[in-house]
C-alpha atoms as a PDB file:
ATOM      1  CA  MET A   1     -27.809  21.541 -27.132  1.00  0.00           C
ATOM      2  CA  SER A   2     -28.976  18.168 -25.826  1.00  0.00           C
ATOM      3  CA  LEU A   3     -26.707  15.716 -24.072  1.00  0.00           C
ATOM      4  CA  ALA A   4     -26.906  13.250 -26.913  1.00  0.00           C
ATOM      5  CA  ARG A   5     -25.723  15.879 -29.389  1.00  0.00           C
ATOM      6  CA  ASN A   6     -22.917  16.926 -27.074  1.00  0.00           C
ATOM      7  CA  ALA A   7     -21.870  13.242 -26.659  1.00  0.00           C
ATOM      8  CA  THR A   8     -21.968  12.787 -30.444  1.00  0.00           C
ATOM      9  CA  ARG A   9     -19.968  15.967 -31.048  1.00  0.00           C
ATOM     10  CA  ASP A  10     -17.377  14.946 -28.335  1.00  0.00           C
ATOM     11  CA  THR A  11     -17.085  11.414 -29.875  1.00  0.00           C
ATOM     12  CA  ALA A  12     -16.581  12.940 -33.381  1.00  0.00           C
ATOM     13  CA  THR A  13     -13.930  15.349 -32.037  1.00  0.00           C
ATOM     14  CA  ALA A  14     -12.096  12.553 -30.265  1.00  0.00           C
ATOM     15  CA  LEU A  15     -12.175  10.384 -33.360  1.00  0.00           C
ATOM     16  CA  LYS A  16     -10.778  13.258 -35.452  1.00  0.00           C
ATOM     17  CA  CYS A  17      -8.002  13.711 -32.975  1.00  0.00           C
ATOM     18  CA  GLU A  18      -7.114   9.955 -33.039  1.00  0.00           C
ATOM     19  CA  LEU A  19      -7.205  10.046 -36.854  1.00  0.00           C
ATOM     20  CA  ALA A  20      -4.960  13.072 -37.008  1.00  0.00           C
ATOM     21  CA  SER A  21      -2.471  11.300 -34.541  1.00  0.00           C
ATOM     22  CA  GLU A  22      -2.417   8.211 -36.762  1.00  0.00           C
ATOM     23  CA  VAL A  23      -1.874  10.289 -39.989  1.00  0.00           C
ATOM     24  CA  LEU A  24       1.099  12.023 -38.384  1.00  0.00           C
ATOM     25  CA  ARG A  25       2.566   8.780 -37.145  1.00  0.00           C
ATOM     26  CA  SER A  26       1.994   7.070 -40.497  1.00  0.00           C
ATOM     27  CA  PHE A  27       2.792   9.834 -42.950  1.00  0.00           C
ATOM     28  CA  GLY A  28       4.724  12.435 -41.051  1.00  0.00           C
ATOM     29  CA  GLN A  29       2.636  15.427 -41.992  1.00  0.00           C
ATOM     30  CA  LEU A  30      -0.795  16.755 -41.454  1.00  0.00           C
ATOM     31  CA  ARG A  31      -2.724  19.894 -42.496  1.00  0.00           C
ATOM     32  CA  PHE A  32      -5.799  21.167 -40.637  1.00  0.00           C
ATOM     33  CA  PRO A  33      -7.558  24.518 -40.107  1.00  0.00           C
ATOM     34  CA  ALA A  34      -6.966  26.350 -36.914  1.00  0.00           C
ATOM     35  CA  SER A  35      -9.799  27.432 -34.707  1.00  0.00           C
ATOM     36  CA  GLY A  36      -9.912  29.460 -31.537  1.00  0.00           C
ATOM     37  CA  TRP A  37      -8.009  32.520 -30.276  1.00  0.00           C
ATOM     38  CA  SER A  38      -5.327  31.139 -28.022  1.00  0.00           C
ATOM     39  CA  MET A  39      -2.558  31.778 -30.440  1.00  0.00           C
ATOM     40  CA  LEU A  40      -3.530  35.223 -31.673  1.00  0.00           C
ATOM     41  CA  PRO A  41      -1.869  37.034 -33.447  1.00  0.00           C
ATOM     42  CA  THR A  42       0.512  34.430 -34.635  1.00  0.00           C
ATOM     43  CA  VAL A  43      -2.217  31.994 -35.737  1.00  0.00           C
ATOM     44  CA  TRP A  44      -5.670  33.224 -36.804  1.00  0.00           C
ATOM     45  CA  PRO A  45      -8.792  31.215 -36.941  1.00  0.00           C
ATOM     46  CA  GLY A  46      -8.985  29.645 -40.442  1.00  0.00           C
ATOM     47  CA  ASP A  47      -5.234  29.506 -40.984  1.00  0.00           C
ATOM     48  CA  THR A  48      -4.144  26.089 -42.175  1.00  0.00           C
ATOM     49  CA  LEU A  49      -1.524  24.561 -39.866  1.00  0.00           C
ATOM     50  CA  VAL A  50       0.975  22.271 -41.530  1.00  0.00           C
ATOM     51  CA  VAL A  51       2.237  19.948 -38.856  1.00  0.00           C
ATOM     52  CA  GLU A  52       5.173  17.688 -39.214  1.00  0.00           C
ATOM     53  CA  ARG A  53       6.007  14.760 -36.912  1.00  0.00           C
ATOM     54  CA  VAL A  54       8.989  15.590 -34.653  1.00  0.00           C
ATOM     55  CA  MET A  55      11.197  13.538 -32.413  1.00  0.00           C
ATOM     56  CA  HIS A  56      11.087  14.680 -28.769  1.00  0.00           C
ATOM     57  CA  ASP A  57      14.719  15.622 -28.706  1.00  0.00           C
ATOM     58  CA  ARG A  58      14.227  18.101 -31.673  1.00  0.00           C
ATOM     59  CA  VAL A  59      11.541  20.202 -29.864  1.00  0.00           C
ATOM     60  CA  ARG A  60      12.808  23.522 -28.870  1.00  0.00           C
ATOM     61  CA  ILE A  61      11.610  26.535 -26.797  1.00  0.00           C
ATOM     62  CA  GLY A  62       9.692  28.847 -29.177  1.00  0.00           C
ATOM     63  CA  ASP A  63       8.326  26.033 -31.360  1.00  0.00           C
ATOM     64  CA  VAL A  64       4.614  25.767 -31.790  1.00  0.00           C
ATOM     65  CA  VAL A  65       3.675  22.106 -31.240  1.00  0.00           C
ATOM     66  CA  VAL A  66       0.496  20.149 -31.588  1.00  0.00           C
ATOM     67  CA  VAL A  67      -0.698  18.197 -28.622  1.00  0.00           C
ATOM     68  CA  GLY A  68      -3.426  15.571 -28.474  1.00  0.00           C
ATOM     69  CA  ARG A  69      -5.033  15.769 -25.104  1.00  0.00           C
ATOM     70  CA  HIS A  70      -8.591  14.817 -23.920  1.00  0.00           C
ATOM     71  CA  GLY A  71      -9.650  13.976 -27.495  1.00  0.00           C
ATOM     72  CA  LYS A  72      -8.725  17.339 -28.858  1.00  0.00           C
ATOM     73  CA  LEU A  73      -5.797  18.907 -30.828  1.00  0.00           C
ATOM     74  CA  CYS A  74      -4.197  21.977 -29.379  1.00  0.00           C
ATOM     75  CA  ALA A  75      -1.417  24.057 -31.035  1.00  0.00           C
ATOM     76  CA  HIS A  76       0.543  26.123 -28.471  1.00  0.00           C
ATOM     77  CA  ARG A  77       4.070  27.479 -28.078  1.00  0.00           C
ATOM     78  CA  VAL A  78       6.809  25.710 -26.011  1.00  0.00           C
ATOM     79  CA  ILE A  79       7.926  28.086 -23.354  1.00  0.00           C
ATOM     80  CA  GLY A  80       9.907  25.620 -21.161  1.00  0.00           C
ATOM     81  CA  THR A  81      10.844  22.073 -20.409  1.00  0.00           C
ATOM     82  CA  ALA A  82      10.261  19.831 -17.464  1.00  0.00           C
ATOM     83  CA  GLY A  83      11.018  16.166 -16.562  1.00  0.00           C
ATOM     84  CA  ASP A  84      14.258  14.561 -17.498  1.00  0.00           C
ATOM     85  CA  SER A  85      15.908  12.701 -20.352  1.00  0.00           C
ATOM     86  CA  GLN A  86      13.926   9.431 -19.533  1.00  0.00           C
ATOM     87  CA  ASN A  87      10.643  11.328 -19.230  1.00  0.00           C
ATOM     88  CA  PRO A  88      10.744  14.519 -21.200  1.00  0.00           C
ATOM     89  CA  GLN A  89       7.936  17.086 -20.803  1.00  0.00           C
ATOM     90  CA  TRP A  90       7.316  20.512 -22.245  1.00  0.00           C
ATOM     91  CA  ILE A  91       5.561  23.499 -20.916  1.00  0.00           C
ATOM     92  CA  THR A  92       3.287  25.126 -23.540  1.00  0.00           C
ATOM     93  CA  GLN A  93       1.080  28.165 -23.604  1.00  0.00           C
ATOM     94  CA  GLY A  94      -1.030  29.935 -26.167  1.00  0.00           C
ATOM     95  CA  ASP A  95       0.415  33.335 -27.126  1.00  0.00           C
ATOM     96  CA  ALA A  96      -2.902  34.954 -26.115  1.00  0.00           C
ATOM     97  CA  LEU A  97      -3.407  33.017 -22.817  1.00  0.00           C
ATOM     98  CA  PRO A  98      -2.490  34.193 -19.406  1.00  0.00           C
ATOM     99  CA  VAL A  99      -1.247  31.012 -17.977  1.00  0.00           C
ATOM    100  CA  PRO A 100       0.697  27.900 -19.226  1.00  0.00           C
ATOM    101  CA  ASP A 101      -0.912  24.550 -19.921  1.00  0.00           C
ATOM    102  CA  ARG A 102      -0.077  21.657 -17.729  1.00  0.00           C
ATOM    103  CA  PRO A 103       3.062  19.862 -18.898  1.00  0.00           C
ATOM    104  CA  VAL A 104       2.944  17.920 -22.018  1.00  0.00           C
ATOM    105  CA  ALA A 105       4.113  14.282 -21.838  1.00  0.00           C
ATOM    106  CA  GLU A 106       5.919  12.673 -24.765  1.00  0.00           C
ATOM    107  CA  ASN A 107       2.956  10.489 -25.634  1.00  0.00           C
ATOM    108  CA  GLU A 108       0.762  13.701 -26.038  1.00  0.00           C
ATOM    109  CA  LEU A 109       3.178  15.441 -28.384  1.00  0.00           C
ATOM    110  CA  LEU A 110       2.018  14.887 -31.895  1.00  0.00           C
ATOM    111  CA  GLY A 111       4.232  17.209 -34.015  1.00  0.00           C
ATOM    112  CA  ARG A 112       5.538  20.769 -34.637  1.00  0.00           C
ATOM    113  CA  VAL A 113       3.833  23.422 -36.777  1.00  0.00           C
ATOM    114  CA  ALA A 114       6.199  23.700 -39.726  1.00  0.00           C
ATOM    115  CA  TYR A 115       4.414  26.584 -41.296  1.00  0.00           C
ATOM    116  CA  LEU A 116       0.975  28.195 -41.830  1.00  0.00           C
ATOM    117  CA  ILE A 117      -1.042  28.705 -44.921  1.00  0.00           C
ATOM    118  CA  ARG A 118      -2.958  32.054 -44.831  1.00  0.00           C
ATOM    119  CA  GLY A 119      -4.665  33.371 -47.946  1.00  0.00           C
ATOM    120  CA  GLY A 120      -2.759  30.939 -50.148  1.00  0.00           C
ATOM    121  CA  LYS A 121       0.621  32.120 -48.848  1.00  0.00           C
ATOM    122  CA  LEU A 122       3.145  30.109 -46.813  1.00  0.00           C
ATOM    123  CA  ILE A 123       4.017  31.806 -43.539  1.00  0.00           C
ATOM    124  CA  ALA A 124       6.898  30.782 -41.285  1.00  0.00           C
ATOM    125  CA  VAL A 125       5.984  30.427 -37.635  1.00  0.00           C
ATOM    126  CA  PRO A 126       8.404  32.665 -35.711  1.00  0.00           C
ATOM    127  CA  ALA A 127      10.215  31.098 -32.729  1.00  0.00           C
ATOM    128  CA  GLU A 128      10.011  34.486 -30.905  1.00  0.00           C
ATOM    129  CA  VAL A 129       6.994  36.707 -30.795  1.00  0.00           C
ATOM    130  CA  ARG A 130       7.595  40.268 -31.943  1.00  0.00           C
ATOM    131  CA  THR A 131       6.867  43.164 -29.689  1.00  0.00           C
ATOM    132  CA  VAL A 132       3.738  44.257 -31.601  1.00  0.00           C
ATOM    133  CA  GLN A 133       2.433  40.687 -31.564  1.00  0.00           C
ATOM    134  CA  ARG A 134       3.237  40.430 -27.840  1.00  0.00           C
ATOM    135  CA  LEU A 135       1.215  43.624 -27.163  1.00  0.00           C
ATOM    136  CA  THR A 136      -1.676  42.369 -29.285  1.00  0.00           C
ATOM    137  CA  ALA A 137      -1.705  39.094 -27.397  1.00  0.00           C
ATOM    138  CA  LYS A 138      -1.815  40.989 -24.098  1.00  0.00           C
ATOM    139  CA  ILE A 139      -4.777  42.986 -25.276  1.00  0.00           C
ATOM    140  CA  VAL A 140      -6.613  39.837 -26.457  1.00  0.00           C
ATOM    141  CA  ARG A 141      -5.858  38.190 -23.140  1.00  0.00           C
ATOM    142  CA  ARG A 142      -7.695  41.046 -21.312  1.00  0.00           C
ATOM    143  CA  SER A 143     -10.688  41.691 -23.519  1.00  0.00           C
ATOM    144  CA  VAL A 144     -12.896  39.192 -25.288  1.00  0.00           C
ATOM    145  CA  PRO A 145     -14.731  41.966 -27.157  1.00  0.00           C
ATOM    146  CA  VAL A 146     -11.392  43.234 -28.459  1.00  0.00           C
ATOM    147  CA  ALA A 147     -10.478  39.671 -29.520  1.00  0.00           C
ATOM    148  CA  ARG A 148     -13.759  39.294 -31.304  1.00  0.00           C
ATOM    149  CA  ALA A 149     -13.283  42.585 -33.134  1.00  0.00           C
ATOM    150  CA  LEU A 150      -9.785  41.677 -34.274  1.00  0.00           C
ATOM    151  CA  VAL A 151     -10.924  38.362 -35.538  1.00  0.00           C
ATOM    152  CA  TYR A 152     -13.868  40.043 -37.365  1.00  0.00           C
ATOM    153  CA  LEU A 153     -11.487  42.708 -38.885  1.00  0.00           C
ATOM    154  CA  HIS A 154      -8.939  39.951 -39.869  1.00  0.00           C
ATOM    155  CA  ARG A 155     -11.792  37.979 -41.552  1.00  0.00           C
ATOM    156  CA  MET A 156     -12.982  41.102 -43.380  1.00  0.00           C
ATOM    157  CA  VAL A 157      -9.406  41.950 -44.685  1.00  0.00           C
ATOM    158  CA  CYS A 158      -9.074  38.302 -45.941  1.00  0.00           C
ATOM    159  CA  ILE A 159     -12.433  38.458 -47.673  1.00  0.00           C
ATOM    160  CA  SER A 160     -11.669  41.765 -49.316  1.00  0.00           C
ATOM    161  CA  GLU A 161      -8.290  40.458 -50.532  1.00  0.00           C
ATOM    162  CA  LYS A 162      -9.924  37.475 -52.121  1.00  0.00           C
ATOM    163  CA  SER A 163     -12.536  39.488 -53.862  1.00  0.00           C
ATOM    164  CA  ALA A 164     -10.224  42.332 -55.050  1.00  0.00           C
ATOM    165  CA  PRO A 165      -9.526  42.270 -58.819  1.00  0.00           C
ATOM    166  CA  ARG A 166      -6.063  40.902 -59.535  1.00  0.00           C
ATOM    167  CA  GLU A 167      -3.594  42.103 -61.986  1.00  0.00           C
ATOM    168  CA  SER A 168      -3.165  39.963 -65.119  1.00  0.00           C
ATOM    169  CA  VAL A 169      -0.036  37.751 -64.922  1.00  0.00           C
ATOM    170  CA  LEU A 170       0.061  37.740 -68.706  1.00  0.00           C
ATOM    171  CA  PRO A 171       1.648  40.632 -70.488  1.00  0.00           C
ATOM    172  CA  CYS A 172      -0.691  42.833 -72.556  1.00  0.00           C
ATOM    173  CA  GLN A 173      -0.674  41.855 -76.323  1.00  0.00           C
ATOM    174  CA  ASP A 174      -1.243  44.532 -78.990  1.00  0.00           C
END
């Protein structure tokens, strides 16, 4: 890819991030599709994140928050706090990442993921990762091929669920 295309893509991404920030500030809620593997298996690529504006004193350990940083949006779990009451900061980390992110400043915190939409269903985001999810995240951390395989299998399951014939919701009439 040429430098001009990279610059155009980076500019477009930064503008999208700024627009998302403004929508959250103005309307209090934003929906956007997840991409990437950093939150597997809690959040899968293609899940729709429903993000709500949140006051800094309402952020808790275990929340999945959206951060605007370097012109990009990032949804990671809060695993700790830093700073003080005058300068609050949060330590975030993707469930499938081996190390935490650098501390998040208050002006970088955009909102909290209220829930996900996956396959048309609303899914609560758990504050604690279950044992099976924790083990899956460890495997994803250590093996890109396994992560790719899991994402592929997940996508295939979603496609087969969408194409499967559905039961009629209307009762049979004689």
